[in-house]
C-alpha atoms as a PDB file:
ATOM      1  CA  MET A   1      -7.673 111.302  41.438  1.00  0.00           C
ATOM      2  CA  LYS A   2     -10.761 110.085  39.585  1.00  0.00           C
ATOM      3  CA  LEU A   3      -8.658 107.444  37.835  1.00  0.00           C
ATOM      4  CA  ASP A   4      -7.295 106.164  41.175  1.00  0.00           C
ATOM      5  CA  LEU A   5     -10.793 105.992  42.650  1.00  0.00           C
ATOM      6  CA  GLN A   6     -12.059 104.146  39.595  1.00  0.00           C
ATOM      7  CA  LYS A   7      -9.141 101.690  39.765  1.00  0.00           C
ATOM      8  CA  THR A   8      -9.762 101.096  43.489  1.00  0.00           C
ATOM      9  CA  GLY A   9     -13.466 100.605  42.828  1.00  0.00           C
ATOM     10  CA  ASN A  10     -12.751  98.079  40.094  1.00  0.00           C
ATOM     11  CA  LYS A  11     -10.442  96.094  42.382  1.00  0.00           C
ATOM     12  CA  ALA A  12     -13.030  96.125  45.181  1.00  0.00           C
ATOM     13  CA  ALA A  13     -15.765  95.006  42.778  1.00  0.00           C
ATOM     14  CA  GLY A  14     -13.503  92.219  41.503  1.00  0.00           C
ATOM     15  CA  ALA A  15     -12.818  91.000  45.048  1.00  0.00           C
ATOM     16  CA  VAL A  16     -16.518  91.005  45.906  1.00  0.00           C
ATOM     17  CA  ALA A  17     -17.260  89.074  42.700  1.00  0.00           C
ATOM     18  CA  MET A  18     -14.629  86.448  43.581  1.00  0.00           C
ATOM     19  CA  VAL A  19     -16.045  85.954  47.079  1.00  0.00           C
ATOM     20  CA  ALA A  20     -19.610  85.824  45.737  1.00  0.00           C
ATOM     21  CA  ALA A  21     -18.653  83.231  43.126  1.00  0.00           C
ATOM     22  CA  ALA A  22     -16.894  81.098  45.760  1.00  0.00           C
ATOM     23  CA  LEU A  23     -19.914  81.298  48.072  1.00  0.00           C
ATOM     24  CA  LEU A  24     -22.205  80.387  45.185  1.00  0.00           C
ATOM     25  CA  VAL A  25     -20.197  77.265  44.346  1.00  0.00           C
ATOM     26  CA  GLY A  26     -20.095  76.447  48.053  1.00  0.00           C
ATOM     27  CA  ALA A  27     -23.891  76.738  48.162  1.00  0.00           C
ATOM     28  CA  VAL A  28     -24.159  74.217  45.339  1.00  0.00           C
ATOM     29  CA  LEU A  29     -21.952  71.794  47.283  1.00  0.00           C
ATOM     30  CA  VAL A  30     -24.091  72.301  50.386  1.00  0.00           C
ATOM     31  CA  MET A  31     -27.181  71.427  48.336  1.00  0.00           C
ATOM     32  CA  ILE A  32     -25.468  68.307  46.974  1.00  0.00           C
ATOM     33  CA  SER A  33     -24.756  67.239  50.559  1.00  0.00           C
ATOM     34  CA  GLY A  34     -28.516  67.412  51.228  1.00  0.00           C
ATOM     35  CA  ASN A  35     -28.534  70.630  53.271  1.00  0.00           C
ATOM     36  CA  ASN A  36     -30.080  74.061  52.892  1.00  0.00           C
ATOM     37  CA  PRO A  37     -27.474  76.658  51.762  1.00  0.00           C
ATOM     38  CA  LEU A  38     -29.369  79.571  53.323  1.00  0.00           C
ATOM     39  CA  GLU A  39     -29.556  77.777  56.660  1.00  0.00           C
ATOM     40  CA  ALA A  40     -25.867  76.814  56.467  1.00  0.00           C
ATOM     41  CA  TYR A  41     -24.663  80.329  55.661  1.00  0.00           C
ATOM     42  CA  SER A  42     -26.948  81.990  58.193  1.00  0.00           C
ATOM     43  CA  THR A  43     -25.631  79.574  60.832  1.00  0.00           C
ATOM     44  CA  LEU A  44     -22.069  80.384  59.777  1.00  0.00           C
ATOM     45  CA  LEU A  45     -22.719  84.120  60.074  1.00  0.00           C
ATOM     46  CA  SER A  46     -24.603  83.952  63.357  1.00  0.00           C
ATOM     47  CA  GLY A  47     -21.966  81.580  64.717  1.00  0.00           C
ATOM     48  CA  ALA A  48     -19.368  84.311  64.401  1.00  0.00           C
ATOM     49  CA  PHE A  49     -21.450  86.986  66.188  1.00  0.00           C
ATOM     50  CA  SER A  50     -23.877  85.080  68.417  1.00  0.00           C
ATOM     51  CA  SER A  51     -22.094  85.798  71.709  1.00  0.00           C
ATOM     52  CA  LYS A  52     -19.293  87.780  73.321  1.00  0.00           C
ATOM     53  CA  GLN A  53     -17.140  84.668  73.238  1.00  0.00           C
ATOM     54  CA  ARG A  54     -17.685  84.272  69.493  1.00  0.00           C
ATOM     55  CA  VAL A  55     -16.854  87.899  68.768  1.00  0.00           C
ATOM     56  CA  SER A  56     -13.779  87.523  70.961  1.00  0.00           C
ATOM     57  CA  GLU A  57     -12.668  84.486  68.942  1.00  0.00           C
ATOM     58  CA  LEU A  58     -13.288  86.449  65.756  1.00  0.00           C
ATOM     59  CA  PHE A  59     -10.695  89.023  66.789  1.00  0.00           C
ATOM     60  CA  VAL A  60      -8.344  86.320  68.086  1.00  0.00           C
ATOM     61  CA  LYS A  61      -8.277  84.874  64.554  1.00  0.00           C
ATOM     62  CA  LEU A  62      -8.148  88.304  62.931  1.00  0.00           C
ATOM     63  CA  VAL A  63      -4.900  89.392  64.594  1.00  0.00           C
ATOM     64  CA  PRO A  64      -2.435  86.832  63.116  1.00  0.00           C
ATOM     65  CA  VAL A  65      -4.203  86.624  59.749  1.00  0.00           C
ATOM     66  CA  MET A  66      -4.200  90.381  59.196  1.00  0.00           C
ATOM     67  CA  ILE A  67      -0.652  90.964  60.437  1.00  0.00           C
ATOM     68  CA  MET A  68       0.735  88.162  58.281  1.00  0.00           C
ATOM     69  CA  GLY A  69      -1.292  89.397  55.305  1.00  0.00           C
ATOM     70  CA  LEU A  70       0.219  92.865  55.705  1.00  0.00           C
ATOM     71  CA  GLY A  71       3.710  91.371  55.885  1.00  0.00           C
ATOM     72  CA  ILE A  72       3.191  89.270  52.783  1.00  0.00           C
ATOM     73  CA  SER A  73       1.871  92.298  50.879  1.00  0.00           C
ATOM     74  CA  VAL A  74       5.174  94.121  51.431  1.00  0.00           C
ATOM     75  CA  ALA A  75       7.064  91.436  49.499  1.00  0.00           C
ATOM     76  CA  TYR A  76       4.361  91.023  46.861  1.00  0.00           C
ATOM     77  CA  ARG A  77       4.421  94.736  46.038  1.00  0.00           C
ATOM     78  CA  ALA A  78       7.997  94.165  44.865  1.00  0.00           C
ATOM     79  CA  GLN A  79       6.950  91.055  42.902  1.00  0.00           C
ATOM     80  CA  LEU A  80       8.722  88.914  45.517  1.00  0.00           C
ATOM     81  CA  TRP A  81       6.474  85.913  46.079  1.00  0.00           C
ATOM     82  CA  ASN A  82       7.074  85.177  49.744  1.00  0.00           C
ATOM     83  CA  ILE A  83       5.239  81.899  50.393  1.00  0.00           C
ATOM     84  CA  GLY A  84       7.102  81.406  53.658  1.00  0.00           C
ATOM     85  CA  ALA A  85       5.034  83.380  56.169  1.00  0.00           C
ATOM     86  CA  GLU A  86       4.223  80.166  58.034  1.00  0.00           C
ATOM     87  CA  GLY A  87       7.907  79.344  58.542  1.00  0.00           C
ATOM     88  CA  GLN A  88       8.713  82.915  59.531  1.00  0.00           C
ATOM     89  CA  PHE A  89       5.829  82.849  62.018  1.00  0.00           C
ATOM     90  CA  ILE A  90       7.237  79.640  63.540  1.00  0.00           C
ATOM     91  CA  ILE A  91      10.860  80.796  63.705  1.00  0.00           C
ATOM     92  CA  GLY A  92       9.805  84.087  65.302  1.00  0.00           C
ATOM     93  CA  SER A  93       7.766  82.194  67.900  1.00  0.00           C
ATOM     94  CA  ILE A  94      10.645  79.827  68.681  1.00  0.00           C
ATOM     95  CA  ALA A  95      13.175  82.643  69.121  1.00  0.00           C
ATOM     96  CA  ALA A  96      10.843  84.710  71.305  1.00  0.00           C
ATOM     97  CA  THR A  97       9.929  81.723  73.479  1.00  0.00           C
ATOM     98  CA  ALA A  98      13.575  80.705  73.910  1.00  0.00           C
ATOM     99  CA  VAL A  99      14.447  84.203  75.095  1.00  0.00           C
ATOM    100  CA  GLY A 100      11.408  84.307  77.372  1.00  0.00           C
ATOM    101  CA  LEU A 101      12.247  80.960  78.976  1.00  0.00           C
ATOM    102  CA  TYR A 102      16.021  81.031  79.232  1.00  0.00           C
ATOM    103  CA  VAL A 103      17.053  84.687  79.579  1.00  0.00           C
ATOM    104  CA  LYS A 104      16.822  85.960  83.138  1.00  0.00           C
ATOM    105  CA  LEU A 105      15.861  89.628  83.110  1.00  0.00           C
ATOM    106  CA  PRO A 106      13.156  91.766  84.726  1.00  0.00           C
ATOM    107  CA  PRO A 107       9.858  91.559  82.781  1.00  0.00           C
ATOM    108  CA  VAL A 108      10.103  95.222  81.745  1.00  0.00           C
ATOM    109  CA  LEU A 109      13.303  94.384  79.829  1.00  0.00           C
ATOM    110  CA  LEU A 110      12.521  90.794  78.887  1.00  0.00           C
ATOM    111  CA  ALA A 111       9.179  91.498  77.168  1.00  0.00           C
ATOM    112  CA  PRO A 112      10.576  93.863  74.488  1.00  0.00           C
ATOM    113  CA  LEU A 113      13.609  91.609  74.097  1.00  0.00           C
ATOM    114  CA  THR A 114      11.353  88.677  73.164  1.00  0.00           C
ATOM    115  CA  LEU A 115       9.682  90.848  70.527  1.00  0.00           C
ATOM    116  CA  LEU A 116      13.053  91.907  69.101  1.00  0.00           C
ATOM    117  CA  ALA A 117      14.120  88.257  69.015  1.00  0.00           C
ATOM    118  CA  ALA A 118      10.997  87.329  67.037  1.00  0.00           C
ATOM    119  CA  ILE A 119      11.569  90.186  64.577  1.00  0.00           C
ATOM    120  CA  ALA A 120      15.260  89.397  64.086  1.00  0.00           C
ATOM    121  CA  ALA A 121      14.810  85.625  63.732  1.00  0.00           C
ATOM    122  CA  ALA A 122      11.791  85.744  61.415  1.00  0.00           C
ATOM    123  CA  GLY A 123      13.258  88.579  59.359  1.00  0.00           C
ATOM    124  CA  GLY A 124      16.539  86.685  59.066  1.00  0.00           C
ATOM    125  CA  TRP A 125      14.660  83.551  57.970  1.00  0.00           C
ATOM    126  CA  ALA A 126      13.051  85.483  55.106  1.00  0.00           C
ATOM    127  CA  LEU A 127      16.345  87.262  54.424  1.00  0.00           C
ATOM    128  CA  LEU A 128      17.927  83.872  53.705  1.00  0.00           C
ATOM    129  CA  ALA A 129      15.541  83.398  50.776  1.00  0.00           C
ATOM    130  CA  GLY A 130      16.260  86.966  49.662  1.00  0.00           C
ATOM    131  CA  PHE A 131      20.013  86.287  49.722  1.00  0.00           C
ATOM    132  CA  LEU A 132      19.588  83.131  47.651  1.00  0.00           C
ATOM    133  CA  LYS A 133      17.614  85.177  45.126  1.00  0.00           C
ATOM    134  CA  VAL A 134      20.066  88.056  44.711  1.00  0.00           C
ATOM    135  CA  ARG A 135      23.194  85.854  44.905  1.00  0.00           C
ATOM    136  CA  PHE A 136      22.148  82.744  42.982  1.00  0.00           C
ATOM    137  CA  HIS A 137      18.889  83.881  41.307  1.00  0.00           C
ATOM    138  CA  ALA A 138      17.007  81.172  43.204  1.00  0.00           C
ATOM    139  CA  ASN A 139      13.244  81.319  42.822  1.00  0.00           C
ATOM    140  CA  GLU A 140      11.843  82.718  46.085  1.00  0.00           C
ATOM    141  CA  VAL A 141       8.607  80.728  45.722  1.00  0.00           C
ATOM    142  CA  ILE A 142      10.586  77.499  46.034  1.00  0.00           C
ATOM    143  CA  THR A 143      13.044  78.668  48.689  1.00  0.00           C
ATOM    144  CA  THR A 144      10.445  80.227  50.998  1.00  0.00           C
ATOM    145  CA  LEU A 145       8.213  77.174  50.612  1.00  0.00           C
ATOM    146  CA  MET A 146      11.077  74.797  51.455  1.00  0.00           C
ATOM    147  CA  LEU A 147      12.039  76.951  54.448  1.00  0.00           C
ATOM    148  CA  ASN A 148       8.501  76.394  55.751  1.00  0.00           C
ATOM    149  CA  TYR A 149       9.187  72.665  55.995  1.00  0.00           C
ATOM    150  CA  ILE A 150      12.522  73.227  57.699  1.00  0.00           C
ATOM    151  CA  ALA A 151      10.924  75.544  60.265  1.00  0.00           C
ATOM    152  CA  ASP A 152       8.074  73.105  60.869  1.00  0.00           C
ATOM    153  CA  TYR A 153      10.368  70.122  61.418  1.00  0.00           C
ATOM    154  CA  PHE A 154      12.684  72.213  63.581  1.00  0.00           C
ATOM    155  CA  LEU A 155       9.684  73.099  65.746  1.00  0.00           C
ATOM    156  CA  ASP A 156       8.799  69.405  66.054  1.00  0.00           C
ATOM    157  CA  PHE A 157      12.381  68.607  67.050  1.00  0.00           C
ATOM    158  CA  LEU A 158      12.305  71.238  69.791  1.00  0.00           C
ATOM    159  CA  VAL A 159       8.902  70.425  71.305  1.00  0.00           C
ATOM    160  CA  TYR A 160       9.650  66.694  71.297  1.00  0.00           C
ATOM    161  CA  GLY A 161      13.187  67.246  72.532  1.00  0.00           C
ATOM    162  CA  PRO A 162      15.248  70.108  74.004  1.00  0.00           C
ATOM    163  CA  MET A 163      12.371  72.510  74.682  1.00  0.00           C
ATOM    164  CA  MET A 164       9.719  69.986  75.687  1.00  0.00           C
ATOM    165  CA  ASP A 165       7.966  70.892  78.927  1.00  0.00           C
ATOM    166  CA  PRO A 166       9.619  68.738  81.611  1.00  0.00           C
ATOM    167  CA  ALA A 167       6.401  68.868  83.656  1.00  0.00           C
ATOM    168  CA  GLY A 168       4.282  67.268  80.923  1.00  0.00           C
ATOM    169  CA  GLN A 169       4.323  64.784  78.065  1.00  0.00           C
ATOM    170  CA  LEU A 170       2.671  66.817  75.307  1.00  0.00           C
ATOM    171  CA  PRO A 171       4.685  68.178  72.348  1.00  0.00           C
ATOM    172  CA  GLN A 172       4.977  71.722  73.701  1.00  0.00           C
ATOM    173  CA  SER A 173       7.392  73.903  75.624  1.00  0.00           C
ATOM    174  CA  ALA A 174       7.047  75.166  79.162  1.00  0.00           C
ATOM    175  CA  MET A 175       4.834  78.223  79.644  1.00  0.00           C
ATOM    176  CA  VAL A 176       6.548  81.622  79.349  1.00  0.00           C
ATOM    177  CA  PRO A 177       6.573  83.678  82.568  1.00  0.00           C
ATOM    178  CA  GLU A 178       3.309  85.415  83.368  1.00  0.00           C
ATOM    179  CA  GLY A 179       5.034  88.804  83.625  1.00  0.00           C
ATOM    180  CA  ILE A 180       5.817  88.875  79.891  1.00  0.00           C
ATOM    181  CA  GLN A 181       2.510  87.486  78.620  1.00  0.00           C
ATOM    182  CA  ILE A 182       0.206  89.737  76.595  1.00  0.00           C
ATOM    183  CA  LYS A 183      -2.819  90.306  78.799  1.00  0.00           C
ATOM    184  CA  ALA A 184      -6.461  89.759  77.857  1.00  0.00           C
ATOM    185  CA  ILE A 185      -8.498  92.904  77.288  1.00  0.00           C
ATOM    186  CA  PHE A 186     -11.613  91.561  79.030  1.00  0.00           C
ATOM    187  CA  SER A 187     -11.854  89.058  81.842  1.00  0.00           C
ATOM    188  CA  GLY A 188     -13.177  85.696  80.697  1.00  0.00           C
ATOM    189  CA  LEU A 189     -12.497  86.385  77.001  1.00  0.00           C
ATOM    190  CA  ARG A 190      -9.462  85.398  74.959  1.00  0.00           C
ATOM    191  CA  VAL A 191      -9.120  88.611  72.932  1.00  0.00           C
ATOM    192  CA  HIS A 192      -5.911  90.312  74.049  1.00  0.00           C
ATOM    193  CA  TYR A 193      -3.873  93.485  73.595  1.00  0.00           C
ATOM    194  CA  GLY A 194      -2.255  91.990  70.513  1.00  0.00           C
ATOM    195  CA  LEU A 195      -5.231  93.662  68.834  1.00  0.00           C
ATOM    196  CA  ALA A 196      -3.622  97.044  69.561  1.00  0.00           C
ATOM    197  CA  ILE A 197      -0.323  95.843  68.105  1.00  0.00           C
ATOM    198  CA  MET A 198      -2.205  94.785  64.965  1.00  0.00           C
ATOM    199  CA  VAL A 199      -3.495  98.355  64.609  1.00  0.00           C
ATOM    200  CA  VAL A 200       0.064  99.675  64.987  1.00  0.00           C
ATOM    201  CA  VAL A 201       1.308  97.292  62.273  1.00  0.00           C
ATOM    202  CA  PHE A 202      -1.547  98.457  60.018  1.00  0.00           C
ATOM    203  CA  ILE A 203      -0.610 102.128  60.536  1.00  0.00           C
ATOM    204  CA  LEU A 204       3.083 101.426  59.933  1.00  0.00           C
ATOM    205  CA  THR A 205       2.212  99.614  56.699  1.00  0.00           C
ATOM    206  CA  VAL A 206       0.167 102.592  55.500  1.00  0.00           C
ATOM    207  CA  LEU A 207       3.086 104.911  56.338  1.00  0.00           C
ATOM    208  CA  LEU A 208       5.529 102.598  54.552  1.00  0.00           C
ATOM    209  CA  TRP A 209       3.776 103.119  51.220  1.00  0.00           C
ATOM    210  CA  ARG A 210       4.058 106.889  51.718  1.00  0.00           C
ATOM    211  CA  SER A 211       7.799 106.705  52.382  1.00  0.00           C
ATOM    212  CA  THR A 212      10.858 106.644  50.123  1.00  0.00           C
ATOM    213  CA  LEU A 213      11.418 102.973  50.911  1.00  0.00           C
ATOM    214  CA  GLY A 214       7.844 102.164  49.940  1.00  0.00           C
ATOM    215  CA  TYR A 215       8.359 103.982  46.646  1.00  0.00           C
ATOM    216  CA  ARG A 216      11.482 101.918  45.978  1.00  0.00           C
ATOM    217  CA  ILE A 217       9.687  98.669  46.804  1.00  0.00           C
ATOM    218  CA  ASN A 218       6.857  99.556  44.421  1.00  0.00           C
ATOM    219  CA  LEU A 219       9.394 100.542  41.779  1.00  0.00           C
ATOM    220  CA  ILE A 220      11.089  97.133  41.950  1.00  0.00           C
ATOM    221  CA  GLY A 221       7.666  95.641  41.309  1.00  0.00           C
ATOM    222  CA  GLN A 222       7.631  97.490  37.992  1.00  0.00           C
ATOM    223  CA  GLY A 223      10.765  95.676  36.857  1.00  0.00           C
ATOM    224  CA  GLU A 224      14.486  95.569  37.597  1.00  0.00           C
ATOM    225  CA  ARG A 225      15.408  97.645  34.561  1.00  0.00           C
ATOM    226  CA  VAL A 226      13.016 100.439  35.521  1.00  0.00           C
ATOM    227  CA  SER A 227      14.174 100.538  39.145  1.00  0.00           C
ATOM    228  CA  THR A 228      17.866 100.438  38.163  1.00  0.00           C
ATOM    229  CA  TYR A 229      17.325 103.309  35.731  1.00  0.00           C
ATOM    230  CA  ALA A 230      15.698 105.258  38.580  1.00  0.00           C
ATOM    231  CA  GLY A 231      18.816 104.790  40.718  1.00  0.00           C
ATOM    232  CA  VAL A 232      17.464 102.132  43.093  1.00  0.00           C
ATOM    233  CA  ASN A 233      19.892  99.579  44.514  1.00  0.00           C
ATOM    234  CA  VAL A 234      17.804  96.563  43.550  1.00  0.00           C
ATOM    235  CA  LYS A 235      19.685  93.865  45.477  1.00  0.00           C
ATOM    236  CA  ARG A 236      19.791  95.856  48.715  1.00  0.00           C
ATOM    237  CA  THR A 237      16.090  96.736  48.447  1.00  0.00           C
ATOM    238  CA  ILE A 238      15.144  93.098  47.779  1.00  0.00           C
ATOM    239  CA  LEU A 239      17.022  92.006  50.905  1.00  0.00           C
ATOM    240  CA  LEU A 240      15.422  94.736  53.022  1.00  0.00           C
ATOM    241  CA  THR A 241      11.966  93.972  51.625  1.00  0.00           C
ATOM    242  CA  MET A 242      12.254  90.277  52.427  1.00  0.00           C
ATOM    243  CA  PHE A 243      13.497  91.086  55.933  1.00  0.00           C
ATOM    244  CA  ILE A 244      10.531  93.389  56.593  1.00  0.00           C
ATOM    245  CA  SER A 245       8.050  90.858  55.212  1.00  0.00           C
ATOM    246  CA  GLY A 246       9.450  88.091  57.412  1.00  0.00           C
ATOM    247  CA  ALA A 247       9.766  90.324  60.464  1.00  0.00           C
ATOM    248  CA  VAL A 248       6.070  91.197  60.330  1.00  0.00           C
ATOM    249  CA  ALA A 249       5.191  87.477  60.239  1.00  0.00           C
ATOM    250  CA  GLY A 250       7.472  87.092  63.253  1.00  0.00           C
ATOM    251  CA  VAL A 251       5.469  89.739  65.105  1.00  0.00           C
ATOM    252  CA  ALA A 252       2.339  87.682  64.412  1.00  0.00           C
ATOM    253  CA  GLY A 253       4.065  84.603  65.822  1.00  0.00           C
ATOM    254  CA  TRP A 254       5.148  86.514  68.932  1.00  0.00           C
ATOM    255  CA  ILE A 255       1.607  87.773  69.537  1.00  0.00           C
ATOM    256  CA  GLU A 256       0.080  84.325  69.049  1.00  0.00           C
ATOM    257  CA  THR A 257       2.594  82.763  71.444  1.00  0.00           C
ATOM    258  CA  PHE A 258       2.659  85.400  74.166  1.00  0.00           C
ATOM    259  CA  GLY A 259      -0.978  86.456  73.917  1.00  0.00           C
ATOM    260  CA  LEU A 260      -2.793  83.161  73.437  1.00  0.00           C
ATOM    261  CA  GLN A 261      -0.826  79.921  73.772  1.00  0.00           C
ATOM    262  CA  TYR A 262       1.938  81.132  76.138  1.00  0.00           C
ATOM    263  CA  ARG A 263       4.223  78.423  74.708  1.00  0.00           C
ATOM    264  CA  ILE A 264       5.308  76.903  71.421  1.00  0.00           C
ATOM    265  CA  MET A 265       3.639  73.690  70.352  1.00  0.00           C
ATOM    266  CA  GLU A 266       3.310  71.302  67.453  1.00  0.00           C
ATOM    267  CA  ASN A 267       1.498  72.717  64.381  1.00  0.00           C
ATOM    268  CA  MET A 268       1.130  76.095  66.083  1.00  0.00           C
ATOM    269  CA  ALA A 269       0.919  78.039  62.806  1.00  0.00           C
ATOM    270  CA  GLY A 270      -2.049  76.022  61.563  1.00  0.00           C
ATOM    271  CA  SER A 271      -3.284  77.335  58.223  1.00  0.00           C
ATOM    272  CA  TYR A 272      -2.517  80.987  58.961  1.00  0.00           C
ATOM    273  CA  GLY A 273       0.213  81.184  56.333  1.00  0.00           C
ATOM    274  CA  ASN A 274      -2.030  79.987  53.503  1.00  0.00           C
ATOM    275  CA  ILE A 275      -4.929  82.169  54.585  1.00  0.00           C
ATOM    276  CA  ALA A 276      -2.684  85.236  54.903  1.00  0.00           C
ATOM    277  CA  THR A 277      -1.494  84.740  51.323  1.00  0.00           C
ATOM    278  CA  VAL A 278      -5.083  84.677  50.069  1.00  0.00           C
ATOM    279  CA  VAL A 279      -5.954  87.676  52.234  1.00  0.00           C
ATOM    280  CA  ALA A 280      -3.081  89.719  50.789  1.00  0.00           C
ATOM    281  CA  LEU A 281      -4.062  88.924  47.196  1.00  0.00           C
ATOM    282  CA  LEU A 282      -7.794  89.309  47.751  1.00  0.00           C
ATOM    283  CA  GLY A 283      -7.141  92.685  49.389  1.00  0.00           C
ATOM    284  CA  ALA A 284      -5.196  93.759  46.275  1.00  0.00           C
ATOM    285  CA  LEU A 285      -2.080  94.281  48.473  1.00  0.00           C
ATOM    286  CA  HIS A 286      -3.687  97.406  49.970  1.00  0.00           C
ATOM    287  CA  PRO A 287      -3.772  97.699  53.788  1.00  0.00           C
ATOM    288  CA  CYS A 288      -7.488  98.555  53.857  1.00  0.00           C
ATOM    289  CA  GLY A 289      -8.333  95.750  51.453  1.00  0.00           C
ATOM    290  CA  ILE A 290      -6.299  93.319  53.533  1.00  0.00           C
ATOM    291  CA  ALA A 291      -8.157  94.430  56.687  1.00  0.00           C
ATOM    292  CA  VAL A 292     -11.543  93.714  55.068  1.00  0.00           C
ATOM    293  CA  ALA A 293     -10.395  90.388  53.603  1.00  0.00           C
ATOM    294  CA  SER A 294      -8.937  89.344  56.979  1.00  0.00           C
ATOM    295  CA  PHE A 295     -12.226  90.100  58.704  1.00  0.00           C
ATOM    296  CA  PHE A 296     -14.104  88.011  56.133  1.00  0.00           C
ATOM    297  CA  PHE A 297     -11.801  85.024  56.581  1.00  0.00           C
ATOM    298  CA  SER A 298     -12.000  85.335  60.357  1.00  0.00           C
ATOM    299  CA  ILE A 299     -15.775  85.017  60.046  1.00  0.00           C
ATOM    300  CA  LEU A 300     -15.281  81.872  57.961  1.00  0.00           C
ATOM    301  CA  LEU A 301     -12.896  80.355  60.507  1.00  0.00           C
ATOM    302  CA  VAL A 302     -15.061  81.057  63.563  1.00  0.00           C
ATOM    303  CA  GLY A 303     -18.485  80.646  61.945  1.00  0.00           C
ATOM    304  CA  GLY A 304     -17.465  77.501  60.063  1.00  0.00           C
ATOM    305  CA  ALA A 305     -16.988  75.625  63.320  1.00  0.00           C
ATOM    306  CA  SER A 306     -20.497  76.608  64.450  1.00  0.00           C
ATOM    307  CA  MET A 307     -21.919  75.616  61.082  1.00  0.00           C
ATOM    308  CA  GLN A 308     -20.451  72.138  61.434  1.00  0.00           C
ATOM    309  CA  ARG A 309     -21.804  71.689  64.968  1.00  0.00           C
ATOM    310  CA  MET A 310     -25.310  73.041  64.361  1.00  0.00           C
ATOM    311  CA  THR A 311     -25.964  71.614  60.891  1.00  0.00           C
ATOM    312  CA  ASN A 312     -24.897  68.545  58.934  1.00  0.00           C
ATOM    313  CA  VAL A 313     -22.613  70.635  56.722  1.00  0.00           C
ATOM    314  CA  PRO A 314     -18.945  69.567  57.128  1.00  0.00           C
ATOM    315  CA  TYR A 315     -16.280  72.160  57.932  1.00  0.00           C
ATOM    316  CA  SER A 316     -14.507  71.128  54.724  1.00  0.00           C
ATOM    317  CA  ILE A 317     -16.986  73.379  52.882  1.00  0.00           C
ATOM    318  CA  VAL A 318     -15.112  76.337  54.413  1.00  0.00           C
ATOM    319  CA  ASP A 319     -11.846  74.904  53.054  1.00  0.00           C
ATOM    320  CA  VAL A 320     -13.473  74.560  49.628  1.00  0.00           C
ATOM    321  CA  ILE A 321     -14.582  78.208  49.710  1.00  0.00           C
ATOM    322  CA  GLN A 322     -11.062  79.288  50.635  1.00  0.00           C
ATOM    323  CA  GLY A 323      -9.612  77.169  47.835  1.00  0.00           C
ATOM    324  CA  LEU A 324     -12.045  78.589  45.292  1.00  0.00           C
ATOM    325  CA  ILE A 325     -11.126  82.131  46.272  1.00  0.00           C
ATOM    326  CA  ILE A 326      -7.461  81.244  45.705  1.00  0.00           C
ATOM    327  CA  ILE A 327      -8.299  79.906  42.242  1.00  0.00           C
ATOM    328  CA  PHE A 328     -10.327  82.994  41.332  1.00  0.00           C
ATOM    329  CA  VAL A 329      -7.617  85.347  42.616  1.00  0.00           C
ATOM    330  CA  ILE A 330      -4.903  83.566  40.616  1.00  0.00           C
ATOM    331  CA  ALA A 331      -7.130  83.497  37.528  1.00  0.00           C
ATOM    332  CA  GLY A 332      -7.653  87.244  37.907  1.00  0.00           C
ATOM    333  CA  ILE A 333      -3.900  87.875  38.175  1.00  0.00           C
ATOM    334  CA  VAL A 334      -3.178  85.743  35.099  1.00  0.00           C
ATOM    335  CA  GLY A 335      -5.959  87.464  33.162  1.00  0.00           C
ATOM    336  CA  GLN A 336      -4.648  90.900  34.106  1.00  0.00           C
ATOM    337  CA  GLY A 337      -1.143  89.867  33.062  1.00  0.00           C
ATOM    338  CA  ARG A 338      -2.367  88.778  29.633  1.00  0.00           C
ATOM    339  CA  LYS A 339      -4.190  92.074  29.153  1.00  0.00           C
ATOM    340  CA  THR A 340      -1.002  93.961  30.023  1.00  0.00           C
ATOM    341  CA  VAL A 341       1.021  91.936  27.509  1.00  0.00           C
ATOM    342  CA  LYS A 342      -1.556  92.513  24.758  1.00  0.00           C
ATOM    343  CA  ARG A 343      -1.666  96.235  25.543  1.00  0.00           C
ATOM    344  CA  ALA A 344       2.116  96.428  25.380  1.00  0.00           C
ATOM    345  CA  GLY A 345       2.053  94.606  22.049  1.00  0.00           C
ATOM    346  CA  ARG A 346      -0.458  97.073  20.574  1.00  0.00           C
ATOM    347  CA  ILE A 347       1.637 100.017  21.770  1.00  0.00           C
ATOM    348  CA  GLY A 348       4.722  98.469  20.146  1.00  0.00           C
ATOM    349  CA  LYS A 349       2.910  98.061  16.817  1.00  0.00           C
ATOM    350  CA  ASP A 350       1.631 101.627  16.927  1.00  0.00           C
ATOM    351  CA  ALA A 351       5.156 102.877  17.598  1.00  0.00           C
END
């Protein structure tokens, strides 16, 4: 128990150090641009909490980032590098919107059907990369990344063509019926009941790691030989893991579409996929760590816009901070991997 607490504490301290280092480098860049770093960061922080509208936007950003981060962590625990959350988000949104627009059912039946469509489509999109891995040993980093481009261009094709709103000329679909939209929690604010669904996804993720399936996923992360020796069907578990990871991203896409935009549109995923990847790694693939990291990045997204408006600091500083955190996270993973190899080498010599 003490060892687990110490390990968790070390990971938390490492994450804090990475964020602090990124903020420090960002402060230097702010100074180079001729601005005061303390003023810039205080404006960024106050910009995220200065009003009810700002706090509402904070949670609006938090929902997709955290859900996608949780989904990505499921694959990463098995050493499956799913870089395709953006594409899965898009495909889930497209499937849910198509069902919402073209299937004629009462709202009480249509609403859950749109969610199931998002889960099935996004999970199947990730499952395709999983199949290519187990059948042809294709690298999932490449396949999931390429599937992002396919999903993005497919979205463009739809919103400029078959699904384009006939009542307008913008690259977007018609609005889904009001009866199946996710309602706002407070009048006049954009935060919606997708926040409750995010909490459910968080709880389910915690329960997953306490289940037999979670144990098998973690075991695959230790190596195929170890998991095979333990009696785990590696190929089947890889396929199921990729499906779950993609399905969760699809839930995020469904929430974003039905709770905020009410339609699909060009570039609807934004940078959520990239941010969710950083969030998962920065949170050490632990649900609680991912929740904290998601909250931090939501502050950056909302407060960064205020910082740009109220000071002369460009929003690109926020992008630089995000990029630096990615670099520090990857450097930490590589460093940890080298330590593990050296430790294994010493054990082999001693044996």
